[in-house]
PDB file of all heavy atoms in Angstrom:
ATOM      1  N   ILE A   1      -1.919   2.115   5.385  1.00  0.00           N
ATOM      2  CA  ILE A   1      -0.739   1.880   4.545  1.00  0.00           C
ATOM      3  C   ILE A   1      -0.888   0.568   3.797  1.00  0.00           C
ATOM      4  O   ILE A   1      -1.194  -0.484   4.462  1.00  0.00           O
ATOM      5  CB  ILE A   1       0.548   1.918   5.406  1.00  0.00           C
ATOM      6  CG1 ILE A   1       0.672   3.262   6.075  1.00  0.00           C
ATOM      7  CG2 ILE A   1       1.744   1.651   4.481  1.00  0.00           C
ATOM      8  CD1 ILE A   1       1.916   3.371   6.981  1.00  0.00           C
ATOM      9  N   SER A   2      -0.523   0.568   2.574  1.00  0.00           N
ATOM     10  CA  SER A   2      -0.437  -0.637   1.773  1.00  0.00           C
ATOM     11  C   SER A   2       0.963  -0.709   1.133  1.00  0.00           C
ATOM     12  O   SER A   2       1.568   0.308   0.899  1.00  0.00           O
ATOM     13  CB  SER A   2      -1.500  -0.719   0.637  1.00  0.00           C
ATOM     14  OG  SER A   2      -1.435   0.347  -0.239  1.00  0.00           O
ATOM     15  N   ILE A   3       1.422  -1.885   0.872  1.00  0.00           N
ATOM     16  CA  ILE A   3       2.763  -2.047   0.244  1.00  0.00           C
ATOM     17  C   ILE A   3       2.670  -3.077  -0.894  1.00  0.00           C
ATOM     18  O   ILE A   3       1.745  -3.997  -0.927  1.00  0.00           O
ATOM     19  CB  ILE A   3       3.819  -2.447   1.265  1.00  0.00           C
ATOM     20  CG1 ILE A   3       3.528  -3.898   1.838  1.00  0.00           C
ATOM     21  CG2 ILE A   3       3.960  -1.441   2.361  1.00  0.00           C
ATOM     22  CD1 ILE A   3       4.682  -4.433   2.604  1.00  0.00           C
ATOM     23  N   GLY A   4       3.553  -2.941  -1.807  1.00  0.00           N
ATOM     24  CA  GLY A   4       3.701  -3.935  -2.891  1.00  0.00           C
ATOM     25  C   GLY A   4       2.977  -3.660  -4.156  1.00  0.00           C
ATOM     26  O   GLY A   4       2.974  -4.512  -5.062  1.00  0.00           O
ATOM     27  N   GLY A   5       2.304  -2.526  -4.309  1.00  0.00           N
ATOM     28  CA  GLY A   5       1.764  -2.135  -5.572  1.00  0.00           C
ATOM     29  C   GLY A   5       2.788  -1.848  -6.653  1.00  0.00           C
ATOM     30  O   GLY A   5       3.931  -1.560  -6.359  1.00  0.00           O
ATOM     31  N   ASP A   6       2.375  -1.934  -7.886  1.00  0.00           N
ATOM     32  CA  ASP A   6       3.264  -1.560  -8.981  1.00  0.00           C
ATOM     33  C   ASP A   6       2.398  -1.104 -10.170  1.00  0.00           C
ATOM     34  O   ASP A   6       1.267  -1.501 -10.370  1.00  0.00           O
ATOM     35  CB  ASP A   6       4.129  -2.751  -9.345  1.00  0.00           C
ATOM     36  CG  ASP A   6       5.423  -2.377 -10.025  1.00  0.00           C
ATOM     37  OD1 ASP A   6       5.664  -1.175 -10.110  1.00  0.00           O
ATOM     38  OD2 ASP A   6       6.230  -3.320 -10.376  1.00  0.00           O
ATOM     39  N   ALA A   7       3.042  -0.278 -11.020  1.00  0.00           N
ATOM     40  CA  ALA A   7       2.367   0.269 -12.188  1.00  0.00           C
ATOM     41  C   ALA A   7       2.956  -0.328 -13.436  1.00  0.00           C
ATOM     42  O   ALA A   7       3.826  -1.147 -13.367  1.00  0.00           O
ATOM     43  CB  ALA A   7       2.460   1.822 -12.126  1.00  0.00           C
ATOM     44  N   GLY A   8       2.548   0.211 -14.555  1.00  0.00           N
ATOM     45  CA  GLY A   8       3.068  -0.266 -15.845  1.00  0.00           C
ATOM     46  C   GLY A   8       2.359  -1.583 -16.320  1.00  0.00           C
ATOM     47  O   GLY A   8       1.315  -1.919 -15.895  1.00  0.00           O
ATOM     48  N   TYR A   9       3.047  -2.186 -17.297  1.00  0.00           N
ATOM     49  CA  TYR A   9       2.429  -3.394 -17.888  1.00  0.00           C
ATOM     50  C   TYR A   9       2.276  -4.524 -16.832  1.00  0.00           C
ATOM     51  O   TYR A   9       1.425  -5.365 -16.950  1.00  0.00           O
ATOM     52  CB  TYR A   9       3.287  -3.896 -19.021  1.00  0.00           C
ATOM     53  CG  TYR A   9       3.276  -3.053 -20.251  1.00  0.00           C
ATOM     54  CD1 TYR A   9       4.486  -2.520 -20.777  1.00  0.00           C
ATOM     55  CD2 TYR A   9       2.088  -2.638 -20.863  1.00  0.00           C
ATOM     56  CE1 TYR A   9       4.432  -1.657 -21.916  1.00  0.00           C
ATOM     57  CE2 TYR A   9       2.022  -1.795 -21.990  1.00  0.00           C
ATOM     58  CZ  TYR A   9       3.274  -1.313 -22.470  1.00  0.00           C
ATOM     59  OH  TYR A   9       3.305  -0.502 -23.609  1.00  0.00           O
ATOM     60  N   ALA A  10       3.114  -4.539 -15.859  1.00  0.00           N
ATOM     61  CA  ALA A  10       3.070  -5.568 -14.790  1.00  0.00           C
ATOM     62  C   ALA A  10       2.377  -5.044 -13.601  1.00  0.00           C
ATOM     63  O   ALA A  10       2.753  -5.368 -12.396  1.00  0.00           O
ATOM     64  CB  ALA A  10       4.492  -6.042 -14.419  1.00  0.00           C
ATOM     65  N   ALA A  11       1.379  -4.197 -13.734  1.00  0.00           N
ATOM     66  CA  ALA A  11       0.662  -3.543 -12.636  1.00  0.00           C
ATOM     67  C   ALA A  11       0.115  -4.538 -11.668  1.00  0.00           C
ATOM     68  O   ALA A  11      -0.345  -5.599 -12.018  1.00  0.00           O
ATOM     69  CB  ALA A  11      -0.391  -2.632 -13.198  1.00  0.00           C
ATOM     70  N   GLY A  12       0.106  -4.148 -10.359  1.00  0.00           N
ATOM     71  CA  GLY A  12      -0.497  -4.910  -9.310  1.00  0.00           C
ATOM     72  C   GLY A  12      -0.871  -4.072  -8.141  1.00  0.00           C
ATOM     73  O   GLY A  12      -0.339  -2.910  -8.081  1.00  0.00           O
ATOM     74  N   PHE A  13      -1.802  -4.529  -7.300  1.00  0.00           N
ATOM     75  CA  PHE A  13      -2.241  -3.665  -6.212  1.00  0.00           C
ATOM     76  C   PHE A  13      -1.528  -4.050  -4.947  1.00  0.00           C
ATOM     77  O   PHE A  13      -1.148  -5.192  -4.645  1.00  0.00           O
ATOM     78  CB  PHE A  13      -3.745  -3.947  -5.979  1.00  0.00           C
ATOM     79  CG  PHE A  13      -4.576  -3.487  -7.239  1.00  0.00           C
ATOM     80  CD1 PHE A  13      -5.548  -4.326  -7.736  1.00  0.00           C
ATOM     81  CD2 PHE A  13      -4.337  -2.204  -7.824  1.00  0.00           C
ATOM     82  CE1 PHE A  13      -6.287  -3.967  -8.811  1.00  0.00           C
ATOM     83  CE2 PHE A  13      -5.083  -1.836  -8.912  1.00  0.00           C
ATOM     84  CZ  PHE A  13      -6.031  -2.696  -9.411  1.00  0.00           C
ATOM     85  N   GLY A  14      -1.320  -3.066  -4.079  1.00  0.00           N
ATOM     86  CA  GLY A  14      -0.651  -3.243  -2.831  1.00  0.00           C
ATOM     87  C   GLY A  14      -1.570  -3.962  -1.827  1.00  0.00           C
ATOM     88  O   GLY A  14      -2.781  -4.130  -1.984  1.00  0.00           O
ATOM     89  N   THR A  15      -0.971  -4.392  -0.725  1.00  0.00           N
ATOM     90  CA  THR A  15      -1.591  -5.110   0.332  1.00  0.00           C
ATOM     91  C   THR A  15      -1.585  -4.231   1.611  1.00  0.00           C
ATOM     92  O   THR A  15      -0.548  -3.745   2.015  1.00  0.00           O
ATOM     93  CB  THR A  15      -0.905  -6.430   0.675  1.00  0.00           C
ATOM     94  OG1 THR A  15      -0.948  -7.238  -0.539  1.00  0.00           O
ATOM     95  CG2 THR A  15      -1.665  -7.197   1.792  1.00  0.00           C
ATOM     96  N   VAL A  16      -2.814  -4.036   2.177  1.00  0.00           N
ATOM     97  CA  VAL A  16      -2.896  -3.264   3.462  1.00  0.00           C
ATOM     98  C   VAL A  16      -2.193  -4.039   4.603  1.00  0.00           C
ATOM     99  O   VAL A  16      -2.425  -5.250   4.757  1.00  0.00           O
ATOM    100  CB  VAL A  16      -4.354  -3.002   3.753  1.00  0.00           C
ATOM    101  CG1 VAL A  16      -4.473  -2.295   5.174  1.00  0.00           C
ATOM    102  CG2 VAL A  16      -5.039  -2.154   2.742  1.00  0.00           C
ATOM    103  N   ILE A  17      -1.314  -3.368   5.327  1.00  0.00           N
ATOM    104  CA  ILE A  17      -0.529  -4.045   6.319  1.00  0.00           C
ATOM    105  C   ILE A  17      -1.096  -3.992   7.750  1.00  0.00           C
ATOM    106  O   ILE A  17      -0.565  -4.717   8.577  1.00  0.00           O
ATOM    107  CB  ILE A  17       0.915  -3.547   6.308  1.00  0.00           C
ATOM    108  CG1 ILE A  17       1.002  -2.117   6.702  1.00  0.00           C
ATOM    109  CG2 ILE A  17       1.558  -3.795   4.978  1.00  0.00           C
ATOM    110  CD1 ILE A  17       2.425  -1.599   6.956  1.00  0.00           C
ATOM    111  N   GLY A  18      -2.064  -3.176   7.954  1.00  0.00           N
ATOM    112  CA  GLY A  18      -2.627  -3.135   9.332  1.00  0.00           C
ATOM    113  C   GLY A  18      -3.585  -1.977   9.501  1.00  0.00           C
ATOM    114  O   GLY A  18      -4.002  -1.345   8.563  1.00  0.00           O
ATOM    115  N   PRO A  19      -3.956  -1.739  10.709  1.00  0.00           N
ATOM    116  CA  PRO A  19      -4.958  -0.632  11.015  1.00  0.00           C
ATOM    117  C   PRO A  19      -4.392   0.741  10.656  1.00  0.00           C
ATOM    118  O   PRO A  19      -3.166   0.934  10.554  1.00  0.00           O
ATOM    119  CB  PRO A  19      -5.159  -0.705  12.563  1.00  0.00           C
ATOM    120  CG  PRO A  19      -4.630  -2.078  12.976  1.00  0.00           C
ATOM    121  CD  PRO A  19      -3.552  -2.430  11.957  1.00  0.00           C
ATOM    122  N   GLY A  20      -5.342   1.737  10.498  1.00  0.00           N
ATOM    123  CA  GLY A  20      -4.926   3.080  10.203  1.00  0.00           C
ATOM    124  C   GLY A  20      -4.098   3.702  11.339  1.00  0.00           C
ATOM    125  O   GLY A  20      -4.266   3.400  12.501  1.00  0.00           O
ATOM    126  N   LEU A  21      -3.161   4.580  10.929  1.00  0.00           N
ATOM    127  CA  LEU A  21      -2.325   5.257  11.860  1.00  0.00           C
ATOM    128  C   LEU A  21      -2.644   6.767  11.921  1.00  0.00           C
ATOM    129  O   LEU A  21      -3.131   7.292  10.947  1.00  0.00           O
ATOM    130  CB  LEU A  21      -0.826   5.144  11.488  1.00  0.00           C
ATOM    131  CG  LEU A  21      -0.322   3.693  11.382  1.00  0.00           C
ATOM    132  CD1 LEU A  21       1.062   3.775  10.756  1.00  0.00           C
ATOM    133  CD2 LEU A  21      -0.320   3.029  12.759  1.00  0.00           C
ATOM    134  N   ALA A  22      -2.409   7.396  13.062  1.00  0.00           N
ATOM    135  CA  ALA A  22      -2.519   8.876  13.093  1.00  0.00           C
ATOM    136  C   ALA A  22      -1.494   9.516  12.169  1.00  0.00           C
ATOM    137  O   ALA A  22      -0.374   8.903  11.906  1.00  0.00           O
ATOM    138  CB  ALA A  22      -2.298   9.306  14.545  1.00  0.00           C
ATOM    139  N   GLY A  23      -1.737  10.710  11.672  1.00  0.00           N
ATOM    140  CA  GLY A  23      -0.948  11.359  10.736  1.00  0.00           C
ATOM    141  C   GLY A  23       0.500  11.521  11.240  1.00  0.00           C
ATOM    142  O   GLY A  23       1.494  11.344  10.476  1.00  0.00           O
ATOM    143  N   GLU A  24       0.662  11.865  12.564  1.00  0.00           N
ATOM    144  CA  GLU A  24       2.005  12.047  13.075  1.00  0.00           C
ATOM    145  C   GLU A  24       2.779  10.709  13.169  1.00  0.00           C
ATOM    146  O   GLU A  24       4.052  10.771  13.322  1.00  0.00           O
ATOM    147  CB  GLU A  24       1.966  12.764  14.444  1.00  0.00           C
ATOM    148  CG  GLU A  24       1.167  11.958  15.486  1.00  0.00           C
ATOM    149  CD  GLU A  24      -0.344  12.314  15.577  1.00  0.00           C
ATOM    150  OE1 GLU A  24      -0.819  12.823  14.568  1.00  0.00           O
ATOM    151  OE2 GLU A  24      -0.947  12.014  16.563  1.00  0.00           O
ATOM    152  N   GLU A  25       2.146   9.591  13.125  1.00  0.00           N
ATOM    153  CA  GLU A  25       2.792   8.319  13.154  1.00  0.00           C
ATOM    154  C   GLU A  25       3.359   7.858  11.790  1.00  0.00           C
ATOM    155  O   GLU A  25       4.203   6.960  11.755  1.00  0.00           O
ATOM    156  CB  GLU A  25       1.907   7.265  13.761  1.00  0.00           C
ATOM    157  CG  GLU A  25       1.397   7.469  15.141  1.00  0.00           C
ATOM    158  CD  GLU A  25       0.399   6.453  15.634  1.00  0.00           C
ATOM    159  OE1 GLU A  25      -0.639   6.339  14.997  1.00  0.00           O
ATOM    160  OE2 GLU A  25       0.773   5.718  16.613  1.00  0.00           O
TER     161      GLU A  25
END
């Protein structure tokens, strides 16, 4: 999971917040 990305003219990339999770989590 990453958070904080954005699209458009002010586009930016999200930041990964931690290790991968199982799908059910």
